[in-house]
């Protein structure tokens, strides 16, 4: 009988399953001295504050400006929604659910060039509800190439990339973190799709792209962070 070879994904899935007989052995104390930092920081960059563009209630009959649209899109997708005091300091909650409240996802905006956002790379800074422009060159052709010249990128001016910082989730979930990361990413993408509906965006998910190329475009340290969507 021919032995069926497992794929890497199947092997990982089988090795990280919970088992009623062994799940109790996986219970461990967290090392709070190694608690991950949940907000990414940059030493240089230009900040675009999105708070002045927020509206308490969006009027569907009124045309929203670019700033209002982006501000509400990011707030409703991945913005801060609450603050919980803990023994280790304040823990911030976000619009998207996350396993253990660890929020491993990072949100990047790639601009082709708009009146508000000059061409370049931006990171969404949830703690201050702002966009930080950390690269100011045009990289749109590189993005198109990484996405196999997908037609959705031909006319749009903006693209969103989702990455994950692995340690944020692995700190608690260890080898099961990869499972949690993709669940978190799915919740976030769902939020983006829903928020787009009332901010007059038409999102188009591009499922096929060259991971390594997108990682390079975003200047990621791939030992710690990689593109997911």
N, C-alpha and C. Protein backbone atom coordinates (compact mmCIF):
# COMPACT_ATOMS: atom_id res chain seq x y z
N UNK A 1 0.85 -1.20 0.00
CA UNK A 1 0.00 0.00 0.00
C UNK A 1 0.89 1.25 0.00
N UNK A 2 0.55 2.18 -0.86
CA UNK A 2 1.33 3.42 -0.96
C UNK A 2 1.06 4.32 0.23
N UNK A 3 2.11 4.77 0.87
CA UNK A 3 1.96 5.67 2.02
C UNK A 3 1.72 7.09 1.53
N UNK A 4 0.67 7.71 2.07
CA UNK A 4 0.32 9.07 1.68
C UNK A 4 1.18 10.04 2.47
N UNK A 5 1.91 10.88 1.76
CA UNK A 5 2.78 11.86 2.41
C UNK A 5 1.96 13.07 2.85
N UNK A 6 2.15 13.49 4.08
CA UNK A 6 1.46 14.67 4.58
C UNK A 6 2.14 15.94 4.08
N UNK A 7 1.33 16.94 3.82
CA UNK A 7 1.88 18.25 3.51
C UNK A 7 2.38 18.88 4.81
N UNK A 8 3.13 19.95 4.67
CA UNK A 8 3.61 20.67 5.86
C UNK A 8 2.43 21.18 6.68
N UNK A 9 1.39 21.67 5.99
CA UNK A 9 0.21 22.19 6.68
C UNK A 9 -0.49 21.08 7.45
N UNK A 10 -0.65 19.92 6.84
CA UNK A 10 -1.28 18.80 7.52
C UNK A 10 -0.46 18.34 8.72
N UNK A 11 0.85 18.29 8.54
CA UNK A 11 1.74 17.89 9.64
C UNK A 11 1.61 18.85 10.81
N UNK A 12 1.62 20.15 10.52
CA UNK A 12 1.47 21.15 11.59
C UNK A 12 0.12 21.00 12.27
N UNK A 13 -0.93 20.82 11.48
CA UNK A 13 -2.28 20.69 12.03
C UNK A 13 -2.37 19.51 12.99
N UNK A 14 -1.81 18.38 12.60
CA UNK A 14 -1.86 17.19 13.44
C UNK A 14 -1.02 17.36 14.70
N UNK A 15 0.12 18.00 14.57
CA UNK A 15 1.02 18.14 15.72
C UNK A 15 0.53 19.14 16.74
N UNK A 16 -0.36 20.03 16.37
CA UNK A 16 -0.81 21.08 17.29
C UNK A 16 -2.26 20.92 17.71
N UNK A 17 -2.83 19.75 17.47
CA UNK A 17 -4.20 19.50 17.92
C UNK A 17 -4.25 19.42 19.45
N UNK A 18 -5.39 19.88 20.00
CA UNK A 18 -5.64 19.63 21.41
C UNK A 18 -6.12 18.19 21.58
N UNK A 19 -5.69 17.56 22.64
CA UNK A 19 -6.09 16.19 22.93
C UNK A 19 -6.61 16.14 24.37
N UNK A 20 -7.79 15.54 24.60
CA UNK A 20 -8.34 15.49 25.96
C UNK A 20 -7.38 14.88 26.99
N UNK A 21 -6.52 13.97 26.54
CA UNK A 21 -5.63 13.29 27.47
C UNK A 21 -4.37 14.08 27.79
N UNK A 22 -4.04 15.03 26.94
CA UNK A 22 -2.78 15.75 27.14
C UNK A 22 -2.95 17.26 27.33
N UNK A 23 -4.18 17.75 27.17
CA UNK A 23 -4.36 19.21 27.21
C UNK A 23 -3.97 19.80 28.57
N UNK A 24 -4.17 19.02 29.65
CA UNK A 24 -3.82 19.52 30.98
C UNK A 24 -2.32 19.75 31.12
N UNK A 25 -1.53 18.99 30.39
CA UNK A 25 -0.07 19.13 30.49
C UNK A 25 0.43 20.40 29.81
N UNK A 26 -0.42 21.01 28.99
CA UNK A 26 0.00 22.22 28.27
C UNK A 26 -0.24 23.48 29.09
N UNK A 27 -0.86 23.33 30.25
CA UNK A 27 -1.12 24.48 31.10
C UNK A 27 0.20 24.95 31.72
N UNK A 28 0.53 26.21 31.53
CA UNK A 28 1.79 26.72 32.05
C UNK A 28 1.62 28.17 32.48
N UNK A 29 2.52 28.64 33.29
CA UNK A 29 2.51 30.02 33.73
C UNK A 29 3.16 30.91 32.68
N UNK A 30 2.56 32.04 32.43
CA UNK A 30 3.12 32.98 31.47
C UNK A 30 4.29 33.73 32.10
N UNK A 31 5.29 34.02 31.30
CA UNK A 31 6.44 34.79 31.75
C UNK A 31 6.14 36.27 31.49
N UNK A 32 5.67 36.96 32.51
CA UNK A 32 5.23 38.34 32.33
C UNK A 32 6.38 39.29 32.06
N UNK A 33 7.60 38.88 32.41
CA UNK A 33 8.75 39.72 32.10
C UNK A 33 9.05 39.74 30.61
N UNK A 34 8.53 38.76 29.88
CA UNK A 34 8.74 38.69 28.43
C UNK A 34 7.46 38.99 27.66
N UNK A 35 6.53 39.67 28.31
CA UNK A 35 5.27 40.02 27.66
C UNK A 35 5.54 40.86 26.41
N UNK A 36 4.92 40.52 25.28
CA UNK A 36 5.20 41.25 24.03
C UNK A 36 4.65 42.67 24.05
N UNK A 37 5.30 43.53 23.29
CA UNK A 37 4.81 44.90 23.08
C UNK A 37 3.76 44.85 21.98
N UNK A 38 2.58 45.41 22.25
CA UNK A 38 1.45 45.25 21.33
C UNK A 38 1.29 46.40 20.34
N UNK A 39 2.21 47.34 20.36
CA UNK A 39 2.13 48.45 19.41
C UNK A 39 3.50 48.62 18.74
N UNK A 40 3.51 48.63 17.43
CA UNK A 40 4.77 48.78 16.70
C UNK A 40 5.20 50.24 16.69
N UNK A 41 6.49 50.46 16.87
CA UNK A 41 7.03 51.81 16.89
C UNK A 41 8.09 51.98 15.81
N UNK A 42 8.19 53.19 15.30
CA UNK A 42 9.22 53.55 14.33
C UNK A 42 10.01 54.72 14.88
N UNK A 43 11.30 54.72 14.63
CA UNK A 43 12.16 55.80 15.11
C UNK A 43 12.05 57.05 14.24
N UNK A 44 11.69 56.87 12.98
CA UNK A 44 11.56 58.01 12.08
C UNK A 44 10.26 57.86 11.29
N UNK A 45 9.78 58.98 10.78
CA UNK A 45 8.58 58.95 9.97
C UNK A 45 7.75 60.20 10.16
N UNK A 46 6.77 60.37 9.28
CA UNK A 46 5.87 61.51 9.33
C UNK A 46 4.49 61.04 9.76
N UNK A 47 3.92 61.69 10.76
CA UNK A 47 2.63 61.27 11.31
C UNK A 47 1.48 62.06 10.70
N UNK A 48 0.45 61.35 10.29
CA UNK A 48 -0.80 61.97 9.84
C UNK A 48 -1.88 61.60 10.85
N UNK A 49 -2.31 62.59 11.63
CA UNK A 49 -3.29 62.36 12.69
C UNK A 49 -4.67 62.16 12.07
N UNK A 50 -5.31 61.05 12.41
CA UNK A 50 -6.64 60.76 11.87
C UNK A 50 -7.77 61.19 12.81
N UNK A 51 -7.44 61.57 14.03
CA UNK A 51 -8.49 61.91 15.00
C UNK A 51 -9.34 63.10 14.59
N UNK A 52 -8.76 64.16 14.01
CA UNK A 52 -9.61 65.30 13.62
C UNK A 52 -10.68 64.95 12.58
N UNK A 53 -10.51 63.84 11.88
CA UNK A 53 -11.45 63.46 10.83
C UNK A 53 -12.59 62.57 11.33
N UNK A 54 -12.56 62.22 12.61
CA UNK A 54 -13.58 61.31 13.12
C UNK A 54 -14.93 61.99 13.22
N UNK A 55 -15.97 61.22 12.95
CA UNK A 55 -17.34 61.68 13.11
C UNK A 55 -18.06 60.73 14.04
N UNK A 56 -18.85 61.29 14.97
CA UNK A 56 -19.62 60.43 15.87
C UNK A 56 -20.67 59.65 15.11
N UNK A 57 -21.22 60.25 14.09
CA UNK A 57 -22.23 59.57 13.28
C UNK A 57 -22.00 59.92 11.82
N UNK A 58 -21.95 58.91 10.99
CA UNK A 58 -21.71 59.11 9.57
C UNK A 58 -23.02 59.33 8.84
N UNK A 59 -23.09 60.42 8.10
CA UNK A 59 -24.26 60.72 7.28
C UNK A 59 -24.09 60.06 5.92
N UNK A 60 -24.90 59.04 5.67
CA UNK A 60 -24.77 58.29 4.42
C UNK A 60 -25.12 59.14 3.20
N UNK A 61 -25.87 60.21 3.41
CA UNK A 61 -26.27 61.06 2.28
C UNK A 61 -25.21 62.11 1.95
N UNK A 62 -24.21 62.23 2.80
CA UNK A 62 -23.16 63.23 2.60
C UNK A 62 -21.91 62.55 2.06
N UNK A 63 -21.28 63.16 1.09
CA UNK A 63 -20.03 62.63 0.56
C UNK A 63 -18.91 62.88 1.57
N UNK A 64 -18.26 61.83 1.99
CA UNK A 64 -17.18 61.95 2.96
C UNK A 64 -15.88 62.29 2.26
N UNK A 65 -15.06 63.11 2.91
CA UNK A 65 -13.74 63.40 2.39
C UNK A 65 -12.80 62.23 2.63
N UNK A 66 -11.64 62.27 2.01
CA UNK A 66 -10.69 61.17 2.14
C UNK A 66 -10.28 60.94 3.59
N UNK A 67 -10.03 62.02 4.31
CA UNK A 67 -9.62 61.89 5.70
C UNK A 67 -10.70 61.25 6.56
N UNK A 68 -11.95 61.65 6.36
CA UNK A 68 -13.05 61.08 7.12
C UNK A 68 -13.23 59.60 6.80
N UNK A 69 -13.10 59.26 5.54
CA UNK A 69 -13.27 57.86 5.13
C UNK A 69 -12.19 56.98 5.75
N UNK A 70 -10.94 57.40 5.64
CA UNK A 70 -9.84 56.60 6.17
C UNK A 70 -9.89 56.51 7.69
N UNK A 71 -10.21 57.62 8.34
CA UNK A 71 -10.24 57.63 9.80
C UNK A 71 -11.28 56.66 10.34
N UNK A 72 -12.47 56.70 9.76
CA UNK A 72 -13.53 55.79 10.20
C UNK A 72 -13.24 54.34 9.81
N UNK A 73 -12.63 54.15 8.65
CA UNK A 73 -12.29 52.80 8.21
C UNK A 73 -11.33 52.13 9.20
N UNK A 74 -10.27 52.84 9.56
CA UNK A 74 -9.28 52.25 10.46
C UNK A 74 -9.81 52.11 11.88
N UNK A 75 -10.57 53.08 12.34
CA UNK A 75 -11.11 52.99 13.70
C UNK A 75 -12.04 51.80 13.83
N UNK A 76 -12.93 51.63 12.86
CA UNK A 76 -13.92 50.55 12.94
C UNK A 76 -13.31 49.18 12.62
N UNK A 77 -12.17 49.17 11.98
CA UNK A 77 -11.53 47.90 11.64
C UNK A 77 -10.59 47.41 12.73
N UNK A 78 -9.74 48.32 13.24
CA UNK A 78 -8.68 47.88 14.15
C UNK A 78 -8.33 48.93 15.19
N UNK A 79 -9.21 49.92 15.35
CA UNK A 79 -8.93 50.98 16.30
C UNK A 79 -9.16 50.55 17.74
N UNK A 80 -8.72 51.38 18.67
CA UNK A 80 -8.91 51.09 20.09
C UNK A 80 -10.36 51.31 20.49
N UNK A 81 -10.87 50.39 21.30
CA UNK A 81 -12.26 50.48 21.74
C UNK A 81 -12.39 50.53 23.26
N UNK A 82 -11.33 50.27 23.98
CA UNK A 82 -11.41 50.27 25.43
C UNK A 82 -10.05 50.11 26.07
N UNK A 83 -10.02 50.36 27.38
CA UNK A 83 -8.78 50.26 28.15
C UNK A 83 -9.09 49.55 29.47
N UNK A 84 -8.37 48.48 29.74
CA UNK A 84 -8.60 47.68 30.94
C UNK A 84 -7.37 47.77 31.84
N UNK A 85 -7.52 48.32 33.06
CA UNK A 85 -6.38 48.36 33.98
C UNK A 85 -6.01 46.95 34.46
N UNK A 86 -4.73 46.64 34.46
CA UNK A 86 -4.25 45.35 34.96
C UNK A 86 -3.04 45.58 35.86
N UNK A 87 -2.57 44.51 36.49
CA UNK A 87 -1.39 44.61 37.36
C UNK A 87 -0.15 45.01 36.57
N UNK A 88 -0.16 44.72 35.27
CA UNK A 88 0.99 45.02 34.43
C UNK A 88 0.83 46.33 33.68
N UNK A 89 -0.21 47.10 33.99
CA UNK A 89 -0.48 48.35 33.29
C UNK A 89 -1.78 48.25 32.51
N UNK A 90 -2.05 49.25 31.71
CA UNK A 90 -3.28 49.27 30.93
C UNK A 90 -3.20 48.31 29.75
N UNK A 91 -4.29 47.57 29.56
CA UNK A 91 -4.40 46.68 28.39
C UNK A 91 -5.46 47.26 27.47
N UNK A 92 -5.10 47.49 26.22
CA UNK A 92 -6.00 48.13 25.27
C UNK A 92 -6.73 47.09 24.42
N UNK A 93 -8.02 47.34 24.23
CA UNK A 93 -8.86 46.49 23.39
C UNK A 93 -9.04 47.15 22.03
N UNK A 94 -9.28 46.32 21.02
CA UNK A 94 -9.43 46.84 19.66
C UNK A 94 -10.75 46.40 19.04
N UNK A 95 -11.05 46.98 17.89
CA UNK A 95 -12.33 46.70 17.23
C UNK A 95 -12.43 45.27 16.75
N UNK A 96 -11.31 44.65 16.40
CA UNK A 96 -11.32 43.26 15.93
C UNK A 96 -11.01 42.32 17.09
N UNK A 97 -11.71 41.19 17.18
CA UNK A 97 -11.39 40.22 18.23
C UNK A 97 -10.03 39.58 18.00
N UNK A 98 -9.39 39.17 19.09
CA UNK A 98 -8.07 38.56 18.98
C UNK A 98 -7.90 37.54 20.10
N UNK A 99 -7.35 36.39 19.78
CA UNK A 99 -7.12 35.35 20.78
C UNK A 99 -6.23 35.87 21.89
N UNK A 100 -6.74 35.84 23.12
CA UNK A 100 -5.96 36.30 24.25
C UNK A 100 -5.76 37.80 24.31
N UNK A 101 -6.43 38.55 23.43
CA UNK A 101 -6.25 39.99 23.39
C UNK A 101 -4.82 40.40 23.08
N UNK A 102 -4.14 39.63 22.21
CA UNK A 102 -2.73 39.87 21.93
C UNK A 102 -2.49 40.63 20.63
N UNK A 103 -3.47 40.69 19.76
CA UNK A 103 -3.44 41.51 18.54
C UNK A 103 -2.12 41.41 17.77
N UNK A 104 -1.81 40.25 17.22
CA UNK A 104 -0.55 40.10 16.49
C UNK A 104 -0.51 40.81 15.14
N UNK A 105 -1.67 41.18 14.61
CA UNK A 105 -1.72 41.77 13.27
C UNK A 105 -1.25 43.22 13.27
N UNK A 106 -0.57 43.61 12.20
CA UNK A 106 -0.23 45.00 11.92
C UNK A 106 -0.87 45.37 10.59
N UNK A 107 -1.33 46.61 10.49
CA UNK A 107 -2.01 47.08 9.28
C UNK A 107 -1.15 48.14 8.60
N UNK A 108 -0.89 47.91 7.33
CA UNK A 108 -0.10 48.85 6.52
C UNK A 108 -0.96 49.38 5.38
N UNK A 109 -0.72 50.62 5.04
CA UNK A 109 -1.38 51.25 3.90
C UNK A 109 -0.32 51.61 2.87
N UNK A 110 -0.52 51.17 1.65
CA UNK A 110 0.37 51.54 0.55
C UNK A 110 -0.37 52.54 -0.32
N UNK A 111 0.19 53.72 -0.48
CA UNK A 111 -0.46 54.77 -1.26
C UNK A 111 0.25 54.96 -2.59
N UNK A 112 -0.57 55.09 -3.61
CA UNK A 112 -0.04 55.39 -4.95
C UNK A 112 0.14 56.89 -5.11
N UNK A 113 -0.48 57.63 -4.18
CA UNK A 113 -0.43 59.09 -4.22
C UNK A 113 -1.82 59.67 -4.27
N UNK A 114 -2.26 60.33 -3.18
CA UNK A 114 -3.56 60.98 -3.11
C UNK A 114 -3.36 62.37 -2.51
N UNK A 115 -4.39 63.25 -2.55
CA UNK A 115 -4.23 64.57 -1.94
C UNK A 115 -3.84 64.53 -0.47
N UNK A 116 -4.34 63.54 0.27
CA UNK A 116 -4.02 63.43 1.70
C UNK A 116 -2.77 62.61 1.95
N UNK A 117 -2.58 61.56 1.15
CA UNK A 117 -1.49 60.62 1.40
C UNK A 117 -0.54 60.56 0.22
N UNK A 118 0.59 61.25 0.29
CA UNK A 118 1.59 61.14 -0.77
C UNK A 118 2.04 59.68 -0.93
N UNK A 119 2.56 59.37 -2.09
CA UNK A 119 2.99 57.99 -2.37
C UNK A 119 3.98 57.52 -1.31
N UNK A 120 3.81 56.28 -0.88
CA UNK A 120 4.72 55.72 0.11
C UNK A 120 4.06 54.65 0.94
N UNK A 121 4.72 54.30 2.04
CA UNK A 121 4.27 53.25 2.95
C UNK A 121 3.86 53.86 4.27
N UNK A 122 2.75 53.37 4.81
CA UNK A 122 2.20 53.87 6.07
C UNK A 122 1.88 52.70 6.99
N UNK A 123 2.10 52.92 8.28
CA UNK A 123 1.70 51.95 9.29
C UNK A 123 0.59 52.57 10.14
N UNK A 124 -0.48 51.81 10.37
CA UNK A 124 -1.56 52.33 11.21
C UNK A 124 -1.15 52.22 12.67
N UNK A 125 -1.10 53.37 13.35
CA UNK A 125 -0.75 53.44 14.76
C UNK A 125 -2.03 53.54 15.58
N UNK A 126 -2.51 52.38 16.03
CA UNK A 126 -3.81 52.33 16.70
C UNK A 126 -3.82 53.14 18.00
N UNK A 127 -2.72 53.15 18.71
CA UNK A 127 -2.69 53.81 20.02
C UNK A 127 -2.95 55.31 19.90
N UNK A 128 -2.52 55.91 18.80
CA UNK A 128 -2.72 57.34 18.60
C UNK A 128 -3.71 57.63 17.47
N UNK A 129 -4.27 56.58 16.89
CA UNK A 129 -5.18 56.68 15.74
C UNK A 129 -4.58 57.62 14.69
N UNK A 130 -3.47 57.17 14.16
CA UNK A 130 -2.76 57.96 13.16
C UNK A 130 -2.10 57.02 12.15
N UNK A 131 -1.67 57.60 11.04
CA UNK A 131 -0.88 56.87 10.06
C UNK A 131 0.54 57.41 10.10
N UNK A 132 1.50 56.51 10.17
CA UNK A 132 2.90 56.92 10.18
C UNK A 132 3.52 56.56 8.84
N UNK A 133 3.96 57.58 8.12
CA UNK A 133 4.59 57.38 6.81
C UNK A 133 6.08 57.12 7.03
N UNK A 134 6.49 55.87 6.82
CA UNK A 134 7.89 55.51 7.10
C UNK A 134 8.71 55.30 5.84
N UNK A 135 8.09 55.41 4.67
CA UNK A 135 8.83 55.31 3.41
C UNK A 135 8.12 56.19 2.39
N UNK A 136 8.88 57.06 1.72
CA UNK A 136 8.24 58.08 0.89
C UNK A 136 8.51 57.92 -0.60
N UNK A 137 8.96 56.77 -1.02
CA UNK A 137 9.17 56.54 -2.45
C UNK A 137 7.99 55.79 -3.06
N UNK A 138 7.87 55.89 -4.36
CA UNK A 138 6.81 55.17 -5.07
C UNK A 138 7.20 53.70 -5.22
N UNK A 139 6.38 52.84 -4.68
CA UNK A 139 6.66 51.40 -4.75
C UNK A 139 5.47 50.65 -5.36
N UNK A 140 4.56 51.38 -5.99
CA UNK A 140 3.36 50.75 -6.54
C UNK A 140 3.68 49.69 -7.60
N UNK A 141 4.59 49.96 -8.53
CA UNK A 141 4.92 48.90 -9.51
C UNK A 141 5.44 47.63 -8.85
N UNK A 142 6.23 47.78 -7.79
CA UNK A 142 6.72 46.60 -7.07
C UNK A 142 5.57 45.83 -6.43
N UNK A 143 4.58 46.57 -5.90
CA UNK A 143 3.41 45.92 -5.32
C UNK A 143 2.62 45.17 -6.38
N UNK A 144 2.43 45.80 -7.53
CA UNK A 144 1.71 45.13 -8.62
C UNK A 144 2.43 43.86 -9.05
N UNK A 145 3.73 43.93 -9.14
CA UNK A 145 4.50 42.76 -9.54
C UNK A 145 4.38 41.65 -8.50
N UNK A 146 4.41 42.02 -7.22
CA UNK A 146 4.28 41.03 -6.14
C UNK A 146 2.92 40.36 -6.14
N UNK A 147 1.91 41.07 -6.67
CA UNK A 147 0.55 40.54 -6.72
C UNK A 147 0.19 40.04 -8.12
N UNK A 148 1.21 39.73 -8.92
CA UNK A 148 1.02 39.18 -10.26
C UNK A 148 0.15 40.08 -11.15
N UNK A 149 0.34 41.37 -11.00
CA UNK A 149 -0.36 42.37 -11.80
C UNK A 149 -1.88 42.16 -11.76
N UNK A 150 -2.36 42.04 -10.55
CA UNK A 150 -3.80 41.85 -10.34
C UNK A 150 -4.55 43.09 -10.85
N UNK A 151 -5.65 42.90 -11.58
CA UNK A 151 -6.38 44.04 -12.15
C UNK A 151 -6.93 45.01 -11.12
N UNK A 152 -7.15 44.56 -9.90
CA UNK A 152 -7.68 45.45 -8.86
C UNK A 152 -6.71 46.58 -8.53
N UNK A 153 -5.42 46.37 -8.80
CA UNK A 153 -4.41 47.38 -8.48
C UNK A 153 -4.15 48.35 -9.62
N UNK A 154 -4.83 48.18 -10.73
CA UNK A 154 -4.57 49.03 -11.89
C UNK A 154 -5.13 50.44 -11.72
N UNK A 155 -6.30 50.55 -11.09
CA UNK A 155 -6.95 51.86 -11.00
C UNK A 155 -7.01 52.43 -9.59
N UNK A 156 -6.91 51.59 -8.57
CA UNK A 156 -7.02 52.08 -7.20
C UNK A 156 -5.77 52.87 -6.79
N UNK A 157 -5.94 53.73 -5.81
CA UNK A 157 -4.82 54.54 -5.30
C UNK A 157 -4.27 54.02 -3.98
N UNK A 158 -5.03 53.14 -3.33
CA UNK A 158 -4.64 52.67 -2.00
C UNK A 158 -4.74 51.16 -1.90
N UNK A 159 -3.86 50.58 -1.13
CA UNK A 159 -3.91 49.14 -0.84
C UNK A 159 -3.56 48.93 0.62
N UNK A 160 -4.18 47.94 1.23
CA UNK A 160 -3.92 47.58 2.62
C UNK A 160 -3.23 46.23 2.67
N UNK A 161 -2.20 46.14 3.47
CA UNK A 161 -1.51 44.86 3.69
C UNK A 161 -1.58 44.53 5.18
N UNK A 162 -1.85 43.26 5.48
CA UNK A 162 -1.90 42.80 6.86
C UNK A 162 -0.70 41.89 7.11
N UNK A 163 0.01 42.17 8.18
CA UNK A 163 1.12 41.31 8.58
C UNK A 163 0.84 40.76 9.98
N UNK A 164 1.70 39.87 10.42
CA UNK A 164 1.60 39.39 11.80
C UNK A 164 2.97 39.40 12.45
N UNK A 165 3.00 39.81 13.70
CA UNK A 165 4.21 39.72 14.52
C UNK A 165 4.05 38.46 15.36
N UNK A 166 4.78 37.43 15.01
CA UNK A 166 4.55 36.09 15.54
C UNK A 166 4.64 36.00 17.06
N UNK A 167 5.59 36.69 17.65
CA UNK A 167 5.82 36.51 19.09
C UNK A 167 4.65 36.99 19.93
N UNK A 168 3.90 37.96 19.43
CA UNK A 168 2.77 38.46 20.22
C UNK A 168 1.82 37.33 20.58
N UNK A 169 1.59 36.44 19.63
CA UNK A 169 0.71 35.30 19.89
C UNK A 169 1.46 34.11 20.47
N UNK A 170 2.68 33.87 20.00
CA UNK A 170 3.46 32.71 20.46
C UNK A 170 3.82 32.82 21.93
N UNK A 171 3.91 34.02 22.46
CA UNK A 171 4.22 34.21 23.88
C UNK A 171 3.25 33.41 24.75
N UNK A 172 2.01 33.36 24.34
CA UNK A 172 1.01 32.62 25.12
C UNK A 172 0.69 31.25 24.52
N UNK A 173 0.54 31.21 23.20
CA UNK A 173 0.02 29.99 22.57
C UNK A 173 1.09 29.08 21.98
N UNK A 174 2.33 29.50 22.06
CA UNK A 174 3.46 28.69 21.60
C UNK A 174 3.22 28.16 20.18
N UNK A 175 3.32 26.82 20.00
CA UNK A 175 3.25 26.29 18.63
C UNK A 175 1.86 26.35 18.02
N UNK A 176 0.85 26.65 18.82
CA UNK A 176 -0.50 26.81 18.28
C UNK A 176 -0.76 28.24 17.81
N UNK A 177 0.21 29.12 17.98
CA UNK A 177 0.01 30.53 17.64
C UNK A 177 -0.36 30.73 16.18
N UNK A 178 0.23 29.92 15.30
CA UNK A 178 -0.04 30.08 13.87
C UNK A 178 -1.52 29.91 13.56
N UNK A 179 -2.18 29.01 14.29
CA UNK A 179 -3.63 28.84 14.12
C UNK A 179 -4.36 30.12 14.51
N UNK A 180 -4.01 30.64 15.67
CA UNK A 180 -4.68 31.84 16.19
C UNK A 180 -4.46 33.04 15.27
N UNK A 181 -3.26 33.13 14.74
CA UNK A 181 -2.91 34.27 13.91
C UNK A 181 -3.83 34.39 12.70
N UNK A 182 -4.11 33.28 12.06
CA UNK A 182 -4.96 33.33 10.87
C UNK A 182 -6.42 33.57 11.23
N UNK A 183 -6.87 33.09 12.39
CA UNK A 183 -8.21 33.43 12.85
C UNK A 183 -8.32 34.93 13.08
N UNK A 184 -7.31 35.49 13.76
CA UNK A 184 -7.30 36.93 14.01
C UNK A 184 -7.32 37.72 12.71
N UNK A 185 -6.52 37.29 11.74
CA UNK A 185 -6.46 37.98 10.46
C UNK A 185 -7.80 37.94 9.75
N UNK A 186 -8.48 36.81 9.83
CA UNK A 186 -9.81 36.70 9.22
C UNK A 186 -10.81 37.66 9.84
N UNK A 187 -10.78 37.79 11.17
CA UNK A 187 -11.66 38.75 11.83
C UNK A 187 -11.37 40.17 11.37
N UNK A 188 -10.09 40.50 11.29
CA UNK A 188 -9.69 41.84 10.87
C UNK A 188 -10.12 42.13 9.44
N UNK A 189 -9.92 41.18 8.54
CA UNK A 189 -10.34 41.38 7.15
C UNK A 189 -11.85 41.54 7.06
N UNK A 190 -12.58 40.79 7.88
CA UNK A 190 -14.03 40.95 7.90
C UNK A 190 -14.44 42.33 8.35
N UNK A 191 -13.74 42.86 9.36
CA UNK A 191 -14.02 44.23 9.82
C UNK A 191 -13.75 45.25 8.72
N UNK A 192 -12.65 45.07 8.01
CA UNK A 192 -12.31 46.00 6.93
C UNK A 192 -13.40 45.99 5.86
N UNK A 193 -13.87 44.80 5.53
CA UNK A 193 -14.93 44.70 4.52
C UNK A 193 -16.20 45.39 4.98
N UNK A 194 -16.59 45.19 6.24
CA UNK A 194 -17.81 45.80 6.76
C UNK A 194 -17.66 47.32 6.86
N UNK A 195 -16.51 47.78 7.37
CA UNK A 195 -16.30 49.22 7.51
C UNK A 195 -16.23 49.91 6.16
N UNK A 196 -15.76 49.21 5.15
CA UNK A 196 -15.69 49.78 3.81
C UNK A 196 -17.07 50.12 3.26
N UNK A 197 -18.07 49.37 3.70
CA UNK A 197 -19.42 49.55 3.16
C UNK A 197 -19.97 50.94 3.47
N UNK A 198 -19.64 51.48 4.65
CA UNK A 198 -20.18 52.80 4.99
C UNK A 198 -19.14 53.92 4.89
N UNK A 199 -17.97 53.60 4.36
CA UNK A 199 -16.98 54.65 4.09
C UNK A 199 -16.71 54.77 2.58
N UNK A 200 -17.58 54.18 1.81
CA UNK A 200 -17.55 54.31 0.34
C UNK A 200 -16.28 53.75 -0.30
N UNK A 201 -15.78 52.66 0.27
CA UNK A 201 -14.70 51.91 -0.37
C UNK A 201 -15.25 50.58 -0.87
N UNK A 202 -14.63 50.07 -1.91
CA UNK A 202 -15.00 48.75 -2.44
C UNK A 202 -13.78 47.84 -2.31
N UNK A 203 -13.69 47.11 -1.22
CA UNK A 203 -12.49 46.28 -0.99
C UNK A 203 -12.45 45.08 -1.93
N UNK A 204 -11.25 44.71 -2.32
CA UNK A 204 -11.05 43.53 -3.15
C UNK A 204 -9.88 42.75 -2.57
N UNK A 205 -10.17 41.57 -2.05
CA UNK A 205 -9.12 40.76 -1.43
C UNK A 205 -8.28 40.07 -2.50
N UNK A 206 -6.98 40.25 -2.40
CA UNK A 206 -6.05 39.58 -3.31
C UNK A 206 -5.41 38.42 -2.56
N UNK A 207 -5.82 37.23 -2.90
CA UNK A 207 -5.35 36.06 -2.17
C UNK A 207 -4.01 35.54 -2.63
N UNK A 208 -3.63 35.86 -3.86
CA UNK A 208 -2.37 35.35 -4.40
C UNK A 208 -1.32 36.44 -4.52
N UNK A 209 -0.24 36.31 -3.78
CA UNK A 209 0.86 37.27 -3.88
C UNK A 209 2.14 36.55 -3.46
N UNK A 210 3.26 37.12 -3.86
CA UNK A 210 4.56 36.56 -3.48
C UNK A 210 4.93 37.06 -2.09
N UNK A 211 4.90 36.17 -1.14
CA UNK A 211 5.13 36.56 0.25
C UNK A 211 6.45 37.32 0.43
N UNK A 212 7.51 36.76 -0.12
CA UNK A 212 8.83 37.36 0.06
C UNK A 212 8.88 38.77 -0.52
N UNK A 213 8.24 38.98 -1.66
CA UNK A 213 8.25 40.30 -2.30
C UNK A 213 7.51 41.32 -1.45
N UNK A 214 6.34 40.95 -0.92
CA UNK A 214 5.58 41.88 -0.08
C UNK A 214 6.34 42.16 1.21
N UNK A 215 6.97 41.16 1.78
CA UNK A 215 7.79 41.38 2.97
C UNK A 215 8.89 42.40 2.70
N UNK A 216 9.51 42.30 1.54
CA UNK A 216 10.58 43.24 1.18
C UNK A 216 10.02 44.64 0.95
N UNK A 217 8.87 44.73 0.30
CA UNK A 217 8.26 46.04 0.06
C UNK A 217 8.00 46.77 1.37
N UNK A 218 7.56 46.03 2.39
CA UNK A 218 7.21 46.63 3.68
C UNK A 218 8.41 46.73 4.62
N UNK A 219 9.59 46.30 4.17
CA UNK A 219 10.81 46.35 4.97
C UNK A 219 10.64 45.61 6.31
N UNK A 220 10.15 44.37 6.22
CA UNK A 220 9.90 43.58 7.42
C UNK A 220 11.12 42.74 7.80
N UNK A 221 11.32 42.59 9.08
CA UNK A 221 12.26 41.60 9.59
C UNK A 221 11.51 40.28 9.63
N UNK A 222 11.74 39.43 8.64
CA UNK A 222 10.91 38.24 8.48
C UNK A 222 11.12 37.19 9.57
N UNK A 223 12.11 37.36 10.42
CA UNK A 223 12.24 36.47 11.57
C UNK A 223 11.20 36.81 12.63
N UNK A 224 10.64 38.01 12.54
CA UNK A 224 9.67 38.45 13.54
C UNK A 224 8.29 38.74 12.96
N UNK A 225 8.24 39.16 11.70
CA UNK A 225 6.98 39.64 11.12
C UNK A 225 6.93 39.29 9.64
N UNK A 226 5.74 38.87 9.18
CA UNK A 226 5.59 38.56 7.76
C UNK A 226 4.19 38.93 7.28
N UNK A 227 4.07 39.12 5.97
CA UNK A 227 2.79 39.47 5.36
C UNK A 227 1.86 38.27 5.37
N UNK A 228 0.59 38.53 5.67
CA UNK A 228 -0.43 37.48 5.72
C UNK A 228 -1.51 37.71 4.67
N UNK A 229 -1.88 38.98 4.45
CA UNK A 229 -2.96 39.28 3.48
C UNK A 229 -2.73 40.66 2.90
